[in-house]
Protein backbone atom coordinates (compact mmCIF):
# COMPACT_ATOMS: atom_id res chain seq x y z
CA MET A 1 -32.67 72.03 -30.93
CA LYS A 2 -31.01 68.65 -30.59
CA ALA A 3 -29.19 67.23 -33.61
CA GLN A 4 -30.13 63.71 -34.66
CA VAL A 5 -27.11 61.40 -34.32
CA SER A 6 -27.38 57.88 -35.75
CA VAL A 7 -26.03 55.25 -33.41
CA VAL A 8 -24.78 53.10 -36.27
CA SER A 9 -23.30 55.93 -38.29
CA VAL A 10 -20.38 56.85 -36.05
CA VAL A 11 -17.21 54.79 -36.34
CA LEU A 12 -14.54 55.06 -33.67
CA ILE A 13 -11.01 54.73 -35.05
CA SER A 14 -7.90 55.35 -32.97
CA GLY A 15 -4.67 56.50 -34.56
CA ILE A 16 -6.64 57.99 -37.43
CA VAL A 17 -3.79 59.64 -39.32
CA ILE A 18 -1.71 56.45 -39.44
CA ALA A 19 -4.65 54.14 -40.14
CA LEU A 20 -6.37 56.20 -42.80
CA VAL A 21 -3.28 57.44 -44.58
CA GLY A 22 -1.85 53.93 -44.66
CA THR A 23 -5.02 52.59 -46.29
CA ALA A 24 -6.06 55.42 -48.56
CA TYR A 25 -2.64 56.31 -49.98
CA MET A 26 -1.03 52.93 -50.56
CA TRP A 27 -1.78 53.32 -54.27
CA GLY A 28 -2.85 55.99 -56.72
CA LEU A 29 -1.00 59.25 -56.09
CA PRO A 30 2.65 60.32 -56.40
CA ILE A 31 4.37 60.65 -53.04
CA ILE A 32 4.49 64.46 -53.23
CA GLU A 33 0.73 64.65 -53.77
CA LYS A 34 0.14 62.18 -50.95
CA ARG A 35 2.13 64.32 -48.56
CA SER A 36 0.28 67.44 -49.70
CA VAL A 37 -3.14 65.91 -49.00
CA VAL A 38 -2.03 64.58 -45.62
CA THR A 39 -0.72 68.03 -44.72
CA GLU A 40 -4.03 69.60 -45.73
CA PHE A 41 -5.91 67.12 -43.56
CA GLN A 42 -3.64 67.73 -40.56
CA THR A 43 -4.06 71.50 -40.97
CA ALA A 44 -7.85 71.17 -41.17
CA GLN A 45 -7.98 68.82 -38.18
CA GLY A 46 -5.78 71.15 -36.15
CA PHE A 47 -8.03 74.10 -37.00
CA VAL A 48 -11.20 72.30 -35.84
CA PHE A 49 -9.55 70.98 -32.66
CA SER A 50 -8.32 74.50 -31.81
CA LEU A 51 -11.79 75.87 -32.55
CA ASN A 52 -13.35 73.34 -30.19
CA ASP A 53 -10.96 74.30 -27.39
CA LEU A 54 -11.62 77.99 -27.98
CA VAL A 55 -15.42 77.65 -27.82
CA VAL A 56 -15.39 75.41 -24.74
CA ASN A 57 -12.92 77.63 -22.86
CA MET A 58 -14.93 80.74 -23.72
CA ALA A 59 -18.15 79.11 -22.54
CA ASN A 60 -16.50 78.05 -19.27
CA SER A 61 -14.99 81.49 -18.62
CA GLY A 62 -18.19 83.38 -19.47
CA ALA A 63 -16.43 86.05 -21.52
CA GLY A 64 -14.25 86.64 -24.54
CA ARG A 65 -14.00 87.41 -28.24
CA GLU A 66 -11.40 85.98 -30.60
CA SER A 67 -10.85 85.67 -34.35
CA LEU A 68 -9.28 82.80 -36.30
CA ASP A 69 -8.06 82.67 -39.90
CA ILE A 70 -9.88 79.97 -41.87
CA PRO A 71 -7.35 77.72 -43.67
CA HIS A 72 -7.75 76.30 -47.20
CA GLY A 73 -11.48 75.69 -47.38
CA LEU A 74 -15.01 76.73 -46.44
CA ALA A 75 -16.49 76.98 -42.94
CA ARG A 76 -20.23 76.77 -42.27
CA VAL A 77 -22.20 77.37 -39.08
CA ILE A 78 -25.60 75.76 -38.60
CA PRO A 79 -27.49 77.53 -35.75
CA SER A 80 -28.73 75.68 -32.69
CA GLY A 81 -32.36 76.43 -33.57
CA SER A 82 -32.14 75.27 -37.19
CA SER A 83 -34.25 72.39 -38.52
CA ASP A 84 -31.13 71.07 -40.27
CA PRO A 85 -30.06 67.65 -38.86
CA ASP A 86 -26.58 69.17 -38.41
CA ASN A 87 -27.89 71.98 -36.21
CA ASN A 88 -25.60 73.43 -33.53
CA SER A 89 -22.53 72.51 -35.56
CA ILE A 90 -19.57 74.07 -37.32
CA ILE A 91 -18.55 72.25 -40.51
CA PHE A 92 -15.23 72.78 -42.26
CA GLU A 93 -14.92 71.59 -45.89
CA PHE A 94 -11.85 71.31 -48.13
CA ASP A 95 -11.07 69.74 -51.50
CA VAL A 96 -8.61 66.88 -52.04
CA ASN A 97 -7.54 64.74 -55.02
CA GLN A 98 -8.07 61.51 -53.12
CA PRO A 99 -10.14 61.03 -49.94
CA MET A 100 -8.84 59.76 -46.63
CA ILE A 101 -12.15 57.96 -46.21
CA PHE A 102 -14.33 56.73 -49.05
CA ASN A 103 -17.94 57.16 -47.98
CA GLN A 104 -20.27 59.37 -45.99
CA THR A 105 -20.15 57.29 -42.81
CA PRO A 106 -18.72 59.60 -40.12
CA VAL A 107 -15.36 58.74 -38.58
CA TYR A 108 -14.89 60.09 -35.08
CA LEU A 109 -11.67 62.05 -34.52
CA GLY A 110 -10.87 61.64 -30.84
CA GLY A 111 -10.17 59.31 -27.95
CA ALA A 112 -13.49 58.84 -26.14
CA THR A 113 -15.26 55.52 -25.69
CA PHE A 114 -17.62 54.32 -28.41
CA GLU A 115 -20.64 54.63 -26.10
CA ASP A 116 -19.74 58.24 -25.35
CA VAL A 117 -19.31 59.14 -29.03
CA ILE A 118 -22.67 57.82 -30.22
CA SER A 119 -24.69 59.52 -27.49
CA GLU A 120 -26.27 62.92 -28.09
CA GLU A 121 -26.37 63.44 -24.33
CA GLY A 122 -22.98 63.20 -22.63
CA THR A 123 -22.19 63.06 -18.93
CA TYR A 124 -21.42 66.41 -17.29
CA GLY A 125 -17.89 66.51 -15.90
CA ILE A 126 -16.79 63.48 -17.94
CA SER A 127 -17.85 63.78 -21.59
CA SER A 128 -16.68 66.41 -24.04
CA PRO A 129 -19.39 68.85 -25.19
CA GLY A 130 -17.86 68.94 -28.67
CA VAL A 131 -18.03 65.85 -30.92
CA ILE A 132 -15.71 65.97 -33.95
CA SER A 133 -16.26 63.69 -36.94
CA MET A 134 -15.15 63.47 -40.57
CA THR A 135 -16.93 62.41 -43.78
CA SER A 136 -16.27 62.74 -47.51
CA ARG A 137 -18.23 63.04 -50.74
CA ARG A 138 -17.37 63.35 -54.42
CA GLY A 139 -16.90 66.88 -55.69
CA PRO A 140 -16.66 68.49 -59.15
CA SER A 141 -12.95 67.71 -59.52
CA GLY A 142 -12.11 65.23 -56.77
CA TYR A 143 -13.42 64.80 -53.25
CA ILE A 144 -14.72 67.12 -50.55
CA MET A 145 -13.64 66.30 -47.01
CA MET A 146 -15.87 67.56 -44.20
CA ILE A 147 -14.89 67.84 -40.53
CA LYS A 148 -17.86 68.57 -38.27
CA LEU A 149 -17.74 70.01 -34.76
CA HIS A 150 -21.10 69.38 -33.08
CA PHE A 151 -21.99 70.61 -29.61
CA ARG A 152 -24.25 68.31 -27.59
CA GLU A 153 -25.89 68.53 -24.19
CA LEU A 154 -24.12 67.34 -21.05
CA GLU A 155 -26.27 66.09 -18.16
CA THR A 156 -25.63 65.53 -14.49
CA LYS A 157 -26.39 62.06 -13.16
CA THR A 158 -27.35 63.19 -9.67
CA VAL A 159 -30.82 64.37 -8.64
CA PRO A 160 -32.02 67.00 -9.33
CA ARG A 161 -30.85 66.42 -12.91
CA LYS A 162 -29.47 69.43 -14.83
CA GLY A 163 -28.37 69.97 -18.42
CA TYR A 164 -25.57 72.12 -19.82
CA LYS A 165 -25.26 73.04 -23.50
CA ILE A 166 -23.32 75.39 -25.76
CA LEU A 167 -25.66 76.97 -28.33
CA LEU A 168 -24.16 78.33 -31.55
CA ASN A 169 -25.72 81.58 -32.75
CA PRO A 170 -24.41 83.14 -35.98
CA GLY A 171 -26.98 85.95 -35.75
CA THR A 172 -29.42 84.31 -38.18
CA THR A 173 -31.77 81.33 -38.15
CA THR A 174 -30.13 79.82 -41.24
CA ALA A 175 -26.63 78.53 -41.94
CA VAL A 176 -23.88 81.00 -42.78
CA SER A 177 -20.52 80.36 -44.46
CA GLY A 178 -17.16 82.00 -45.01
CA THR A 179 -13.64 81.34 -46.30
CA SER A 180 -11.55 84.07 -44.69
CA GLU A 181 -12.06 84.63 -40.97
CA MET A 182 -14.12 83.26 -38.08
CA THR A 183 -14.91 85.35 -35.00
CA ILE A 184 -16.10 83.67 -31.79
CA SER A 185 -17.85 85.77 -29.11
CA PHE A 186 -19.44 84.95 -25.75
CA VAL A 187 -23.03 86.26 -25.64
CA LYS A 188 -24.72 85.08 -22.43
CA THR A 189 -25.57 82.16 -20.20
CA GLU A 190 -29.18 81.62 -19.21
CA THR A 191 -31.31 79.00 -17.47
CA GLN A 192 -34.09 77.51 -19.57
CA ALA A 193 -36.43 75.98 -17.01
CA SER A 194 -38.24 73.49 -19.21
CA ALA A 195 -35.74 72.79 -21.97
CA CYS A 196 -33.70 70.01 -20.40
CA CYS A 197 -32.87 66.51 -21.25
CA SER A 198 -34.32 63.21 -20.29
CA GLY A 199 -33.95 64.13 -16.62
CA GLY A 200 -36.58 66.85 -16.92
CA GLY A 201 -34.53 69.47 -15.05
CA PRO A 202 -33.37 72.94 -16.09
CA LEU A 203 -30.94 73.55 -18.94
CA LEU A 204 -28.04 75.99 -18.48
CA ALA A 205 -27.58 77.31 -22.02
CA THR A 206 -24.45 79.22 -23.02
CA HIS A 207 -24.85 81.26 -26.21
CA ILE A 208 -21.79 81.64 -28.44
CA LYS A 209 -21.91 83.87 -31.50
CA VAL A 210 -19.97 82.70 -34.57
CA GLU A 211 -19.39 85.21 -37.37
CA LEU A 212 -17.83 84.32 -40.71
CA SER A 213 -16.32 86.36 -43.51
């Protein structure tokens, strides 16, 4: 169920809005269009950050159901059990006239250390379970920006070792998508005795259902 994260593919950049906007929009677009694209990015980033907080808080509380309006774009959920390399992730896509990054190398949106970002197994009590990154690709009439929220396993460092992981479950074994509304629901928490990390201990798996319309 673990997603494959390339160590060399994640770039840590602090002050991303200032750095990327300053580089990508120095030339090429009228100022009004520049501001519009920046606003779209900030809206999309805010949506994914809020979504991350909602899922983590719901997993920690062990209860809850809440719906969010999807802003200008498309949301996809790739289940935890999928064979897709992006499994256990929520990806939000939106179109822009000019990208804020120019290739498909992920840019990490956050403030963790580089070593923490590139690891698929974070440290329980220290690392964030949600890793948020951004990429872009050319689309039919411009560029498609993609912000991915991926949930990884957190492990204790003391013996006996234990793992903790949020598992996304849209109700199917394949990816689902929507453009209108996203509903997040707590399902259950269970112990999977032989499904843990490198430590070989049990995995405490929290199932979160994500429905899209």
